[in-house]
Amino acid sequence: MASGSERLLVDGREVARLLLADTAPARLRGMLLRRPLPPALLLSPASSVHGLGMVETLEVALLDRDMCVRHLLRLRPCGMTRPRRQIRSVLEAPVGSFEQWGLQVGSQVAIAERGTG
């Protein structure tokens, strides 16, 4: 899991600090037991997610190989999303984040490291 030095960009605008879950253990943990919840978590590779053990509802964006938002969902505790073939990554965030960021179907998501621009 990355140290959190990454930033989430939506349509070219920096919107939040980003944690990366790019290993199997990190993807399995996801947002579980994180207090407070991080502003954003990117699980990659991933085509679906689960809310087992979660106590809060999350917003979920399903991203294709180009990091374009294909679907937006709410993940309730103990819920799960179905795997989708075209999905390569999943972005999770606390409820209300996507509206604040202007994230919608068709938005382009990117990762930037601190100090790059």
Protein backbone atom coordinates (compact mmCIF):
# COMPACT_ATOMS: atom_id res chain seq x y z
CA MET A 1 0.00 0.00 0.00
CA ALA A 2 1.33 3.40 -0.91
CA SER A 3 2.18 5.98 1.69
CA GLY A 4 -0.58 8.35 0.66
CA SER A 5 1.69 10.76 -1.19
CA GLU A 6 -0.42 10.33 -4.31
CA ARG A 7 -3.14 12.75 -5.33
CA LEU A 8 -6.39 11.95 -7.10
CA LEU A 9 -7.16 13.98 -10.20
CA VAL A 10 -10.63 14.15 -11.71
CA ASP A 11 -10.82 15.67 -15.18
CA GLY A 12 -7.40 17.23 -14.59
CA ARG A 13 -8.24 18.81 -11.21
CA GLU A 14 -6.68 17.67 -7.94
CA VAL A 15 -9.52 16.63 -5.65
CA ALA A 16 -8.13 14.48 -2.82
CA ARG A 17 -5.26 12.60 -1.23
CA LEU A 18 -5.25 9.03 -2.57
CA LEU A 19 -4.30 5.68 -1.08
CA LEU A 20 -3.44 2.90 -3.52
CA ALA A 21 -4.42 -0.72 -2.92
CA ASP A 22 -2.26 -2.43 -5.51
CA THR A 23 -1.43 -5.69 -3.72
CA ALA A 24 -3.79 -8.56 -2.90
CA PRO A 25 -3.70 -7.95 0.89
CA ALA A 26 -4.25 -4.20 0.42
CA ARG A 27 -7.19 -4.79 -1.96
CA LEU A 28 -8.72 -7.32 0.46
CA ARG A 29 -8.52 -4.81 3.33
CA GLY A 30 -9.79 -1.88 1.28
CA MET A 31 -11.47 0.62 3.61
CA LEU A 32 -11.98 -1.96 6.39
CA LEU A 33 -10.93 -0.75 9.87
CA ARG A 34 -9.77 2.65 8.63
CA ARG A 35 -10.77 5.46 10.98
CA PRO A 36 -11.23 8.04 9.79
CA LEU A 37 -11.87 6.86 6.24
CA PRO A 38 -9.27 8.09 3.77
CA PRO A 39 -10.50 10.67 1.24
CA ALA A 40 -10.06 8.16 -1.62
CA LEU A 41 -8.85 4.60 -2.18
CA LEU A 42 -8.00 3.12 -5.58
CA LEU A 43 -8.05 -0.66 -5.87
CA SER A 44 -6.14 -1.89 -8.91
CA PRO A 45 -6.44 -4.28 -10.53
CA ALA A 46 -10.06 -4.88 -9.51
CA SER A 47 -13.35 -5.40 -11.31
CA SER A 48 -15.62 -5.57 -8.25
CA VAL A 49 -15.59 -4.82 -4.51
CA HIS A 50 -17.32 -6.00 -1.35
CA GLY A 51 -18.45 -4.29 1.84
CA LEU A 52 -18.03 -7.26 4.18
CA GLY A 53 -17.18 -6.02 7.65
CA MET A 54 -17.83 -2.38 6.74
CA VAL A 55 -20.08 -0.18 8.87
CA GLU A 56 -20.39 2.79 6.49
CA THR A 57 -21.81 3.11 2.99
CA LEU A 58 -19.22 4.10 0.37
CA GLU A 59 -19.36 5.62 -3.07
CA VAL A 60 -17.78 3.45 -5.75
CA ALA A 61 -16.63 4.35 -9.27
CA LEU A 62 -15.83 1.53 -11.67
CA LEU A 63 -13.02 2.51 -14.04
CA ASP A 64 -11.99 1.06 -17.39
CA ARG A 65 -8.40 0.48 -18.56
CA ASP A 66 -8.10 4.19 -19.50
CA MET A 67 -9.21 5.25 -15.98
CA CYS A 68 -12.50 6.57 -17.34
CA VAL A 69 -15.53 6.25 -15.03
CA ARG A 70 -17.94 3.68 -16.49
CA HIS A 71 -20.35 3.19 -13.55
CA LEU A 72 -21.14 4.88 -10.21
CA LEU A 73 -22.59 2.89 -7.33
CA ARG A 74 -23.24 3.01 -3.59
CA LEU A 75 -21.70 0.13 -1.66
CA ARG A 76 -23.65 -0.59 1.49
CA PRO A 77 -22.15 -2.56 4.41
CA CYS A 78 -22.04 -6.28 3.57
CA GLY A 79 -22.93 -5.50 -0.06
CA MET A 80 -20.93 -6.26 -3.17
CA THR A 81 -20.65 -5.21 -6.77
CA ARG A 82 -20.74 -7.74 -9.57
CA PRO A 83 -17.57 -8.21 -11.61
CA ARG A 84 -17.64 -6.47 -15.00
CA ARG A 85 -15.28 -7.41 -17.81
CA GLN A 86 -14.43 -3.87 -18.95
CA ILE A 87 -13.56 -2.71 -15.41
CA ARG A 88 -9.87 -2.61 -14.40
CA SER A 89 -9.88 -0.43 -11.24
CA VAL A 90 -12.29 0.65 -8.52
CA LEU A 91 -12.28 4.01 -6.75
CA GLU A 92 -13.88 4.17 -3.28
CA ALA A 93 -14.66 7.27 -1.25
CA PRO A 94 -16.89 8.42 1.62
CA VAL A 95 -20.47 9.30 0.63
CA GLY A 96 -20.71 12.84 -0.74
CA SER A 97 -17.19 12.89 -2.19
CA PHE A 98 -18.12 12.26 -5.82
CA GLU A 99 -20.60 15.13 -5.91
CA GLN A 100 -18.04 17.42 -4.26
CA TRP A 101 -15.41 16.42 -6.83
CA GLY A 102 -17.75 16.63 -9.83
CA LEU A 103 -17.09 12.95 -10.57
CA GLN A 104 -19.61 11.42 -12.96
CA VAL A 105 -19.85 8.72 -15.61
CA GLY A 106 -17.36 9.73 -18.31
CA SER A 107 -15.02 11.57 -15.93
CA GLN A 108 -11.31 10.92 -16.41
CA VAL A 109 -9.43 9.84 -13.27
CA ALA A 110 -5.65 10.08 -12.89
CA ILE A 111 -2.98 9.72 -10.22
CA ALA A 112 -0.32 12.34 -9.57
CA GLU A 113 2.50 12.13 -7.05
CA ARG A 114 3.25 15.09 -4.82
CA GLY A 115 5.71 17.42 -6.45
CA THR A 116 4.56 16.59 -9.99
CA GLY A 117 2.09 18.50 -11.85
